[in-house]
Amino acid sequence: LNRDLRIHDHPALAAACAGAEAVVPLFVFDERLLSSPRASPNLIRFLHESLAAQGQALQDVGGRLVVRRGAPVAETLRMASETGAKVVYASRDVSSGALAREAALSRACAEAGIGLALQPGVTVVPADEPRTTTGGTYRVFTPFWRAWEAVPRRPLAPAPARVTLPPVALAGELPALETLTTGPFSPDPQTGGEPAARRLLAMALEHVLPRYGTQHDTLAGNTSSRLSAALHFGCVSPLEVEQAARDVAGSEAFVRQLAWRDFHHHTTLSFPSIGHEDLRPRGTRWQRDDDELDAWREGLTGYPIVDAGMRQLLQEGWLPGRARMIVATFLTKHLGHDWREGERHFARWLIDGDVANNAANWQWVAGTGSDTRPGRILNPLRQAERFDRDGEYVRRYLPELAHLDRRVIHTPWLLPADERGSLGYPDRLVDHEVAAAAFRLRGVTGSSTRASEGSLSATKR
C-alpha cells in the first residue's frame, strides 16, 4: 500500500485479490521520510488514523494490514521472500521520491524473479494522460481540461469480499503514534480513514456540491468538500468521487477542481523537481526577511484576511483553496519572499501536504508555474470584500478582532491610534499598492515593500 488507504475502488488491491490465492496487504513506514524536516506531524497523525481504519476494514473481510518500518523496497522484498510472493502490486505515483522508489522496486523485483504490477488509482485518469497532439505534456490547464474530459474512465474496482492471508506468521502491528512523531499537532484537525472520508463524500454530495459553483470561495461558510486530505491518502477514490459528483446537478465546478488535481499530478510526472525548481523561471529576485517571514507564519501581518488564513492553517492543518491563494499571494507578491518558503511551511502543517498539489499551486500563485498571467496580484481587501464581506471568517480565527464591526474589521489600521493600540493586533507589514508596484519592479530594482500611506485600489480578482 502506498497512499491508497481504502478497500473501495482500489485497483491494486482488487487485482491482487483476483490474481492470487493469498494476499499480504503491506505498508512500510519509510524511516528516511519520518526523520525528514518536512515530515508533518499533522500529516503523520492523519496517516496513522487512516492506517488504523484500513486495518479494521481488511480485518472485516478476513485479512490483515501488515506494517513494517525501514526502507520500503528492502522491506517489500523481505516480505515477498518470507511469504513466497510471486507478484508485488502497488499504485503508481508521480513525485520524484515515488518515481525513484518505483524504479528501485522494479530493479529489485526483477533481480528476485518477482513480478511488479503497478496500477492506477491515485488520480481520476492516469497521470500520463491525456497527451497533446504531438504526444507531449500539457502545460496549461484549459486545454488539459478539455482533453481530460474526453479520456475514457476505467471501471470502478470492486471492494474485495474476502482477503486471504498466506499460511505464515506475519509480524508487524501499527506502531503507536508517539513512536512516529512527537508533534506539535494542530488542535482541531480532520479525522483520517476511509469511513470518515466516505461520510465527508456523502455530506458533500448532498450539501456542498449543489451550490459549489457559486459559493465554494465563500470563506466563512461550509462550502468546501474538505476531501483533499482523504484524496491525498487515498481514503476515497478520486474516480469514485468524480463519478458520484457527475450525478449532482451543477457539479461542474467541483469536477473541474478534480481535474486541476489531476493536472498538477500530470505536470509533476513530467517535472518531478516541481517541489524545489521553478517550472517556468521568470528571473524574479526574491527577498529575505526573517521577521516578516515569521509574522506571516504566525498570522501577524496586519491584514486580517491573511492572518485568519494562517491561523486556520495552524489550528486545523487545512485551508480552503481561496484562503491558500490569498496567503500565498501575500507572501510572494506583497512581501516578495520565495515561494519555496511558503511551500515548506504548508508542508509542515497541512494534513493534505501533497507534493504535486502543494508545490504546483504555490508556483501558480508565485508566477513561476502554469498560470498564464504570472503577474497577477490579489488585493487582500478586495478578496475580503468578496469572500468574507461580514468578517465572519476573520472573527472565527482572530479573537482579538471579534468585537469589530464589518466596517473596520478588515482595515483595523484605519482606527484611531488609541483604539488600535488596545487591540493587541499588529500594524500592516506592507501597503498593498506599494507592495504590488515593488513586485513588478523587483526583477530590475529589488525595491522595498515597507508600508507607507497610500491608496488600496490595486489589482482585483
Protein backbone atom coordinates (compact mmCIF):
# COMPACT_ATOMS: atom_id res chain seq x y z
CA LEU A 1 0.00 0.00 0.00
CA ASN A 2 1.32 3.45 -0.91
CA ARG A 3 -1.09 6.32 -0.32
CA ASP A 4 -4.20 4.36 -1.23
CA LEU A 5 -5.68 3.51 2.15
CA ARG A 6 -9.12 2.19 1.24
CA ILE A 7 -10.77 -1.00 0.06
CA HIS A 8 -13.37 0.54 -2.31
CA ASP A 9 -12.15 1.13 -5.88
CA HIS A 10 -8.58 0.12 -5.05
CA PRO A 11 -7.24 -1.26 -8.36
CA ALA A 12 -4.02 -2.68 -6.86
CA LEU A 13 -5.86 -4.49 -4.06
CA ALA A 14 -8.58 -5.73 -6.42
CA ALA A 15 -6.01 -7.00 -8.93
CA ALA A 16 -4.05 -8.78 -6.20
CA CYS A 17 -7.17 -10.49 -4.85
CA ALA A 18 -8.24 -11.52 -8.36
CA GLY A 19 -4.80 -12.76 -9.36
CA ALA A 20 -3.65 -14.66 -6.29
CA GLU A 21 -4.99 -17.16 -3.76
CA ALA A 22 -3.38 -15.28 -0.87
CA VAL A 23 -2.62 -11.57 -0.43
CA VAL A 24 -0.46 -9.69 2.08
CA PRO A 25 -1.54 -6.01 2.42
CA LEU A 26 1.72 -4.27 3.39
CA PHE A 27 2.54 -0.72 4.46
CA VAL A 28 6.12 0.33 5.17
CA PHE A 29 6.91 3.41 7.23
CA ASP A 30 9.91 4.92 5.48
CA GLU A 31 12.40 5.87 8.21
CA ARG A 32 14.04 8.38 5.87
CA LEU A 33 10.76 10.25 5.42
CA LEU A 34 9.81 10.04 9.10
CA SER A 35 13.07 11.77 10.04
CA SER A 36 12.84 14.39 7.28
CA PRO A 37 12.48 18.07 8.28
CA ARG A 38 9.41 18.08 6.03
CA ALA A 39 7.69 15.30 8.00
CA SER A 40 4.46 16.98 9.11
CA PRO A 41 3.16 15.74 12.47
CA ASN A 42 -0.37 16.57 11.29
CA LEU A 43 0.10 14.50 8.16
CA ILE A 44 1.61 11.58 10.09
CA ARG A 45 -1.29 11.61 12.56
CA PHE A 46 -3.81 11.57 9.69
CA LEU A 47 -1.85 8.73 8.08
CA HIS A 48 -1.82 6.80 11.37
CA GLU A 49 -5.61 7.14 11.73
CA SER A 50 -6.06 6.09 8.10
CA LEU A 51 -3.91 3.01 8.57
CA ALA A 52 -5.87 2.03 11.68
CA ALA A 53 -9.10 2.29 9.69
CA GLN A 54 -7.56 0.32 6.83
CA GLY A 55 -6.51 -2.42 9.22
CA GLN A 56 -10.04 -2.72 10.54
CA ALA A 57 -11.53 -2.79 7.02
CA LEU A 58 -9.17 -5.59 5.99
CA GLN A 59 -9.88 -7.50 9.19
CA ASP A 60 -13.61 -7.29 8.43
CA VAL A 61 -13.03 -9.24 5.20
CA GLY A 62 -10.66 -11.78 6.73
CA GLY A 63 -7.37 -10.03 6.04
CA ARG A 64 -4.84 -8.06 7.99
CA LEU A 65 -2.70 -4.99 7.47
CA VAL A 66 0.98 -5.80 7.94
CA VAL A 67 3.12 -2.82 8.93
CA ARG A 68 6.90 -2.57 8.76
CA ARG A 69 9.44 0.20 9.33
CA GLY A 70 12.57 0.72 7.31
CA ALA A 71 13.49 1.10 3.64
CA PRO A 72 10.32 0.42 1.59
CA VAL A 73 11.97 -1.57 -1.20
CA ALA A 74 14.04 -3.74 1.14
CA GLU A 75 11.07 -4.41 3.43
CA THR A 76 8.83 -5.25 0.49
CA LEU A 77 11.32 -7.77 -0.90
CA ARG A 78 11.84 -9.22 2.57
CA MET A 79 8.09 -9.75 2.94
CA ALA A 80 7.90 -11.30 -0.52
CA SER A 81 10.68 -13.72 0.43
CA GLU A 82 9.03 -14.62 3.76
CA THR A 83 5.68 -15.36 2.13
CA GLY A 84 6.81 -16.76 -1.22
CA ALA A 85 5.02 -13.98 -3.08
CA LYS A 86 5.19 -14.10 -6.87
CA VAL A 87 3.92 -10.57 -7.66
CA VAL A 88 4.01 -7.18 -5.94
CA TYR A 89 1.00 -4.94 -6.65
CA ALA A 90 1.19 -1.20 -5.99
CA SER A 91 -0.33 2.09 -7.14
CA ARG A 92 1.60 4.37 -9.47
CA ASP A 93 2.58 7.80 -8.16
CA VAL A 94 4.24 10.92 -9.58
CA SER A 95 6.61 12.67 -7.15
CA SER A 96 10.37 12.40 -7.54
CA GLY A 97 10.55 10.23 -4.42
CA ALA A 98 7.77 7.95 -5.63
CA LEU A 99 9.34 7.57 -9.08
CA ALA A 100 12.72 6.71 -7.56
CA ARG A 101 11.06 4.16 -5.27
CA GLU A 102 9.18 2.57 -8.16
CA ALA A 103 12.37 2.33 -10.24
CA ALA A 104 14.27 0.74 -7.34
CA LEU A 105 11.40 -1.66 -6.65
CA SER A 106 11.28 -2.64 -10.34
CA ARG A 107 15.00 -3.46 -10.34
CA ALA A 108 14.79 -5.39 -7.06
CA CYS A 109 11.78 -7.42 -8.19
CA ALA A 110 13.46 -8.26 -11.49
CA GLU A 111 16.60 -9.45 -9.68
CA ALA A 112 14.49 -11.59 -7.33
CA GLY A 113 12.36 -13.04 -10.12
CA ILE A 114 9.20 -11.41 -8.77
CA GLY A 115 6.61 -9.64 -10.90
CA LEU A 116 5.69 -5.99 -10.34
CA ALA A 117 2.20 -4.80 -11.32
CA LEU A 118 1.78 -1.02 -11.00
CA GLN A 119 -1.85 0.07 -11.03
CA PRO A 120 -3.80 3.35 -11.45
CA GLY A 121 -5.89 4.88 -8.70
CA VAL A 122 -4.12 7.99 -7.35
CA THR A 123 -5.78 10.23 -9.95
CA VAL A 124 -9.05 10.21 -11.88
CA VAL A 125 -7.28 9.37 -15.14
CA PRO A 126 -3.70 8.03 -15.32
CA ALA A 127 -1.19 10.82 -14.70
CA ASP A 128 0.45 10.29 -18.09
CA GLU A 129 -2.86 11.08 -19.79
CA PRO A 130 -4.09 12.95 -21.73
CA ARG A 131 -1.32 13.81 -24.19
CA THR A 132 -1.10 16.74 -26.58
CA THR A 133 -1.48 16.16 -30.32
CA THR A 134 2.32 15.84 -30.53
CA GLY A 135 2.43 13.35 -27.65
CA GLY A 136 3.69 15.84 -25.08
CA THR A 137 2.58 17.01 -21.64
CA TYR A 138 0.01 19.77 -21.21
CA ARG A 139 1.44 22.92 -19.64
CA VAL A 140 -1.78 24.98 -19.49
CA PHE A 141 -4.91 23.88 -17.66
CA THR A 142 -7.75 24.83 -20.03
CA PRO A 143 -6.67 22.66 -22.97
CA PHE A 144 -5.79 19.91 -20.48
CA TRP A 145 -9.31 20.15 -19.03
CA ARG A 146 -10.92 19.75 -22.44
CA ALA A 147 -8.74 16.73 -23.27
CA TRP A 148 -9.18 15.28 -19.75
CA GLU A 149 -12.95 15.27 -20.15
CA ALA A 150 -12.60 13.04 -23.21
CA VAL A 151 -10.32 10.40 -21.61
CA PRO A 152 -12.22 7.09 -21.14
CA ARG A 153 -12.61 6.18 -17.48
CA ARG A 154 -11.67 2.75 -16.19
CA PRO A 155 -14.45 0.80 -14.43
CA LEU A 156 -14.56 1.13 -10.65
CA ALA A 157 -12.80 -1.78 -8.97
CA PRO A 158 -14.96 -3.84 -6.58
CA ALA A 159 -14.13 -3.98 -2.90
CA PRO A 160 -12.83 -7.46 -2.05
CA ALA A 161 -15.37 -9.79 -0.50
CA ARG A 162 -12.54 -11.74 1.09
CA VAL A 163 -8.82 -11.21 1.64
CA THR A 164 -6.95 -14.43 2.37
CA LEU A 165 -3.56 -14.27 4.04
CA PRO A 166 -0.83 -16.84 3.29
CA PRO A 167 -0.28 -19.58 5.91
CA VAL A 168 2.73 -17.92 7.57
CA ALA A 169 3.21 -15.92 10.72
CA LEU A 170 3.30 -12.23 9.87
CA ALA A 171 4.94 -9.82 12.26
CA GLY A 172 4.17 -6.13 12.22
CA GLU A 173 1.48 -4.16 14.01
CA LEU A 174 0.65 -0.49 13.62
CA PRO A 175 3.11 1.34 15.91
CA ALA A 176 1.93 3.88 18.45
CA LEU A 177 1.69 7.40 17.06
CA GLU A 178 4.21 8.75 19.57
CA THR A 179 6.87 6.44 18.14
CA LEU A 180 6.39 8.06 14.72
CA THR A 181 6.17 11.75 15.63
CA THR A 182 6.01 13.89 18.74
CA GLY A 183 4.16 16.85 17.24
CA PRO A 184 3.32 19.65 17.76
CA PHE A 185 -0.08 18.99 16.23
CA SER A 186 -2.89 21.28 15.17
CA PRO A 187 -5.58 21.19 17.86
CA ASP A 188 -8.61 20.85 15.55
CA PRO A 189 -7.76 18.52 12.67
CA GLN A 190 -9.92 16.29 10.49
CA THR A 191 -10.07 12.58 11.23
CA GLY A 192 -8.30 10.20 8.87
CA GLY A 193 -9.53 6.93 7.41
CA GLU A 194 -11.91 5.58 4.78
CA PRO A 195 -15.09 5.65 6.94
CA ALA A 196 -14.56 9.36 7.74
CA ALA A 197 -13.79 10.06 4.08
CA ARG A 198 -16.93 8.33 2.86
CA ARG A 199 -19.00 10.33 5.37
CA LEU A 200 -17.43 13.53 4.05
CA LEU A 201 -18.19 12.47 0.49
CA ALA A 202 -21.83 11.75 1.33
CA MET A 203 -22.22 15.15 3.02
CA ALA A 204 -20.51 16.90 0.11
CA LEU A 205 -22.78 15.26 -2.45
CA GLU A 206 -25.88 16.30 -0.53
CA HIS A 207 -24.98 19.71 0.89
CA VAL A 208 -21.89 21.15 -0.82
CA LEU A 209 -21.88 20.23 -4.50
CA PRO A 210 -25.35 21.61 -5.39
CA ARG A 211 -24.12 25.14 -4.55
CA TYR A 212 -20.39 24.66 -5.12
CA GLY A 213 -20.24 26.66 -8.34
CA THR A 214 -21.48 29.86 -6.71
CA GLN A 215 -20.31 29.52 -3.12
CA HIS A 216 -17.12 27.43 -2.91
CA ASP A 217 -14.94 30.54 -2.46
CA THR A 218 -17.02 31.88 0.45
CA LEU A 219 -14.61 31.65 3.35
CA ALA A 220 -16.95 31.64 6.33
CA GLY A 221 -19.42 29.04 5.11
CA ASN A 222 -19.20 25.27 4.98
CA THR A 223 -18.73 25.43 1.21
CA SER A 224 -15.77 23.07 0.69
CA SER A 225 -15.92 19.29 0.46
CA ARG A 226 -12.81 19.05 2.71
CA LEU A 227 -11.88 15.89 0.79
CA SER A 228 -8.33 16.97 -0.05
CA ALA A 229 -6.61 15.02 2.74
CA ALA A 230 -8.75 11.95 2.08
CA LEU A 231 -7.79 12.15 -1.59
CA HIS A 232 -4.12 12.61 -0.73
CA PHE A 233 -4.04 9.41 1.31
CA GLY A 234 -6.43 7.56 -0.96
CA CYS A 235 -9.03 7.14 1.77
CA VAL A 236 -11.52 7.70 -1.03
CA SER A 237 -11.02 7.07 -4.73
CA PRO A 238 -10.77 10.22 -6.88
CA LEU A 239 -12.52 8.37 -9.71
CA GLU A 240 -15.39 7.35 -7.43
CA VAL A 241 -15.67 10.96 -6.25
CA GLU A 242 -15.77 12.22 -9.83
CA GLN A 243 -18.39 9.72 -10.95
CA ALA A 244 -20.58 10.40 -7.92
CA ALA A 245 -20.23 14.16 -8.41
CA ARG A 246 -21.40 13.98 -12.02
CA ASP A 247 -24.76 12.75 -10.77
CA VAL A 248 -25.29 16.02 -8.88
CA ALA A 249 -26.80 18.91 -10.82
CA GLY A 250 -24.47 21.90 -11.08
CA SER A 251 -21.34 20.00 -10.06
CA GLU A 252 -19.11 21.00 -12.99
CA ALA A 253 -17.13 23.48 -10.87
CA PHE A 254 -16.33 20.73 -8.40
CA VAL A 255 -15.36 18.25 -11.13
CA ARG A 256 -13.12 20.97 -12.54
CA GLN A 257 -11.25 21.01 -9.21
CA LEU A 258 -10.65 17.27 -9.54
CA ALA A 259 -9.27 17.99 -13.00
CA TRP A 260 -6.94 20.62 -11.50
CA ARG A 261 -5.70 17.97 -9.08
CA ASP A 262 -5.05 15.60 -11.98
CA PHE A 263 -3.36 18.42 -13.91
CA HIS A 264 -0.91 19.02 -11.06
CA HIS A 265 -0.08 15.30 -10.96
CA HIS A 266 0.25 15.31 -14.76
CA THR A 267 2.67 18.23 -14.51
CA THR A 268 4.65 16.68 -11.67
CA LEU A 269 5.10 13.40 -13.54
CA SER A 270 6.89 15.24 -16.33
CA PHE A 271 8.65 17.70 -13.98
CA PRO A 272 9.34 15.75 -10.75
CA SER A 273 11.52 18.54 -9.32
CA ILE A 274 8.49 20.86 -9.11
CA GLY A 275 8.84 20.94 -5.31
CA HIS A 276 12.11 22.88 -5.45
CA GLU A 277 12.68 24.16 -9.01
CA ASP A 278 10.74 26.80 -10.94
CA LEU A 279 8.58 25.23 -13.61
CA ARG A 280 8.88 28.45 -15.63
CA PRO A 281 11.73 30.63 -14.34
CA ARG A 282 10.82 34.33 -14.53
CA GLY A 283 14.02 35.85 -13.18
CA THR A 284 12.25 37.12 -10.06
CA ARG A 285 14.52 38.43 -7.31
CA TRP A 286 13.12 37.04 -4.08
CA GLN A 287 13.75 38.92 -0.83
CA ARG A 288 14.56 37.51 2.59
CA ASP A 289 13.45 39.00 5.89
CA ASP A 290 13.16 36.51 8.75
CA ASP A 291 10.97 38.80 10.85
CA GLU A 292 8.49 39.22 8.01
CA LEU A 293 8.52 35.51 7.31
CA ASP A 294 7.82 34.72 10.96
CA ALA A 295 4.99 37.27 11.06
CA TRP A 296 3.41 35.62 8.02
CA ARG A 297 3.79 32.13 9.50
CA GLU A 298 2.18 33.20 12.78
CA GLY A 299 -0.68 35.21 11.27
CA LEU A 300 0.63 38.63 12.32
CA THR A 301 0.90 40.52 9.02
CA GLY A 302 -1.65 43.19 9.93
CA TYR A 303 -4.05 42.10 7.17
CA PRO A 304 -6.90 40.25 8.93
CA ILE A 305 -7.93 38.16 5.91
CA VAL A 306 -4.35 36.92 5.54
CA ASP A 307 -3.83 36.32 9.24
CA ALA A 308 -7.11 34.45 9.61
CA GLY A 309 -5.94 32.04 6.93
CA MET A 310 -2.55 31.50 8.51
CA ARG A 311 -4.07 30.86 11.92
CA GLN A 312 -6.61 28.44 10.48
CA LEU A 313 -3.67 26.53 8.99
CA LEU A 314 -2.06 26.27 12.43
CA GLN A 315 -5.34 25.40 14.16
CA GLU A 316 -6.74 22.84 11.70
CA GLY A 317 -3.89 21.78 9.42
CA TRP A 318 -6.07 22.74 6.48
CA LEU A 319 -7.16 25.78 4.46
CA PRO A 320 -9.86 26.35 1.82
CA GLY A 321 -8.49 26.99 -1.64
CA ARG A 322 -9.35 30.69 -1.70
CA ALA A 323 -7.53 31.30 1.58
CA ARG A 324 -4.48 29.44 0.23
CA MET A 325 -4.38 31.78 -2.75
CA ILE A 326 -4.69 34.88 -0.57
CA VAL A 327 -1.93 33.96 1.90
CA ALA A 328 0.37 32.66 -0.84
CA THR A 329 -0.04 35.84 -2.89
CA PHE A 330 0.74 37.91 0.17
CA LEU A 331 3.99 36.06 0.87
CA THR A 332 5.27 36.01 -2.69
CA LYS A 333 3.94 39.21 -4.23
CA HIS A 334 3.50 41.53 -1.27
CA LEU A 335 6.46 40.51 0.87
CA GLY A 336 8.46 39.25 -2.09
CA HIS A 337 9.52 36.00 -0.44
CA ASP A 338 10.47 32.87 -2.32
CA TRP A 339 7.52 30.53 -2.88
CA ARG A 340 9.64 27.66 -1.54
CA GLU A 341 9.47 29.19 1.96
CA GLY A 342 5.69 29.09 1.81
CA GLU A 343 5.59 25.62 0.33
CA ARG A 344 7.78 24.31 3.17
CA HIS A 345 5.58 25.93 5.81
CA PHE A 346 2.44 24.48 4.26
CA ALA A 347 4.09 21.06 4.03
CA ARG A 348 4.93 21.33 7.74
CA TRP A 349 1.31 21.88 8.81
CA LEU A 350 -1.06 20.56 6.14
CA ILE A 351 -2.84 17.24 6.53
CA ASP A 352 -3.13 17.18 2.72
CA GLY A 353 0.52 18.07 2.03
CA ASP A 354 0.60 16.56 -1.43
CA VAL A 355 3.86 17.31 -3.29
CA ALA A 356 2.10 17.71 -6.63
CA ASN A 357 -0.73 19.94 -5.44
CA ASN A 358 1.13 21.95 -2.82
CA ALA A 359 4.14 22.84 -4.95
CA ALA A 360 2.18 23.32 -8.18
CA ASN A 361 -0.30 25.66 -6.51
CA TRP A 362 2.48 27.66 -4.87
CA GLN A 363 4.22 28.02 -8.20
CA TRP A 364 0.95 29.02 -9.87
CA VAL A 365 0.47 31.84 -7.37
CA ALA A 366 4.12 32.92 -7.46
CA GLY A 367 4.09 33.21 -11.24
CA THR A 368 6.68 30.50 -11.82
CA GLY A 369 4.16 27.77 -12.62
CA SER A 370 1.35 27.13 -15.08
CA ASP A 371 -0.52 30.43 -14.62
CA THR A 372 -0.83 32.24 -17.94
CA ARG A 373 -0.96 35.56 -16.05
CA PRO A 374 2.14 35.33 -13.84
CA GLY A 375 1.94 38.99 -12.82
CA ARG A 376 -1.49 38.79 -11.20
CA ILE A 377 -1.62 40.10 -7.62
CA LEU A 378 -4.65 39.55 -5.42
CA ASN A 379 -5.73 42.62 -3.46
CA PRO A 380 -6.36 41.32 0.10
CA LEU A 381 -9.01 43.95 0.78
CA ARG A 382 -10.85 43.14 -2.41
CA GLN A 383 -10.62 39.45 -1.53
CA ALA A 384 -12.02 40.17 1.94
CA GLU A 385 -14.88 42.22 0.47
CA ARG A 386 -15.83 39.46 -1.96
CA PHE A 387 -15.32 36.34 0.16
CA ASP A 388 -15.72 37.47 3.81
CA ARG A 389 -17.90 40.52 3.45
CA ASP A 390 -19.27 40.46 7.01
CA GLY A 391 -15.98 39.48 8.63
CA GLU A 392 -17.26 36.16 9.95
CA TYR A 393 -14.16 34.24 8.82
CA VAL A 394 -11.82 36.77 10.43
CA ARG A 395 -13.76 36.72 13.69
CA ARG A 396 -13.54 32.93 13.81
CA TYR A 397 -9.74 32.87 13.76
CA LEU A 398 -8.73 36.30 15.13
CA PRO A 399 -10.42 36.61 18.52
CA GLU A 400 -8.68 39.94 19.19
CA LEU A 401 -10.75 41.46 16.37
CA ALA A 402 -14.01 39.64 17.06
CA HIS A 403 -15.71 42.74 18.54
CA LEU A 404 -15.11 44.91 15.46
CA ASP A 405 -17.99 45.51 13.08
CA ARG A 406 -17.86 44.84 9.35
CA ARG A 407 -16.91 48.45 8.50
CA VAL A 408 -13.45 48.16 10.04
CA ILE A 409 -12.72 44.50 10.71
CA HIS A 410 -10.67 44.18 7.52
CA THR A 411 -8.93 47.57 7.92
CA PRO A 412 -8.02 47.92 11.63
CA TRP A 413 -5.14 50.28 10.75
CA LEU A 414 -7.77 52.94 9.94
CA LEU A 415 -9.00 53.03 13.55
CA PRO A 416 -7.91 55.88 15.86
CA ALA A 417 -4.44 55.31 17.33
CA ASP A 418 -5.66 54.68 20.89
CA GLU A 419 -8.20 52.11 19.72
CA ARG A 420 -5.63 50.39 17.50
CA GLY A 421 -3.26 50.14 20.43
CA SER A 422 -5.84 48.35 22.57
CA LEU A 423 -6.44 45.59 20.04
CA GLY A 424 -3.22 43.69 20.59
CA TYR A 425 -3.01 43.36 16.82
CA PRO A 426 -0.04 44.46 14.67
CA ASP A 427 0.12 47.20 12.06
CA ARG A 428 0.40 46.25 8.41
CA LEU A 429 3.76 44.94 7.27
CA VAL A 430 3.22 46.49 3.85
CA ASP A 431 0.88 48.73 1.93
CA HIS A 432 -0.84 46.80 -0.86
CA GLU A 433 -0.35 49.27 -3.68
CA VAL A 434 3.28 49.95 -2.81
CA ALA A 435 3.97 46.23 -2.48
CA ALA A 436 2.27 45.42 -5.79
CA ALA A 437 4.29 48.06 -7.63
CA ALA A 438 7.50 46.87 -5.99
CA PHE A 439 6.88 43.27 -7.00
CA ARG A 440 6.52 44.28 -10.63
CA LEU A 441 9.82 46.11 -10.45
CA ARG A 442 11.76 43.71 -8.28
CA GLY A 443 13.29 41.81 -11.15
CA VAL A 444 15.00 45.09 -12.11
CA THR A 445 15.22 47.22 -8.95
CA GLY A 446 14.72 45.00 -5.92
CA SER A 447 12.51 47.74 -4.44
CA SER A 448 11.45 47.73 -0.80
CA THR A 449 7.86 46.95 0.10
CA ARG A 450 7.72 48.57 3.53
CA ALA A 451 4.35 50.01 4.49
CA SER A 452 3.51 53.60 3.69
CA GLU A 453 0.39 55.66 3.39
CA GLY A 454 -1.26 55.14 0.03
CA SER A 455 -4.44 54.04 -1.67
CA LEU A 456 -5.51 50.42 -1.66
CA SER A 457 -7.23 50.29 -5.06
CA ALA A 458 -4.97 47.90 -6.89
CA THR A 459 -5.33 44.70 -8.88
CA LYS A 460 -8.66 42.95 -8.41
CA ARG A 461 -9.67 39.36 -8.98
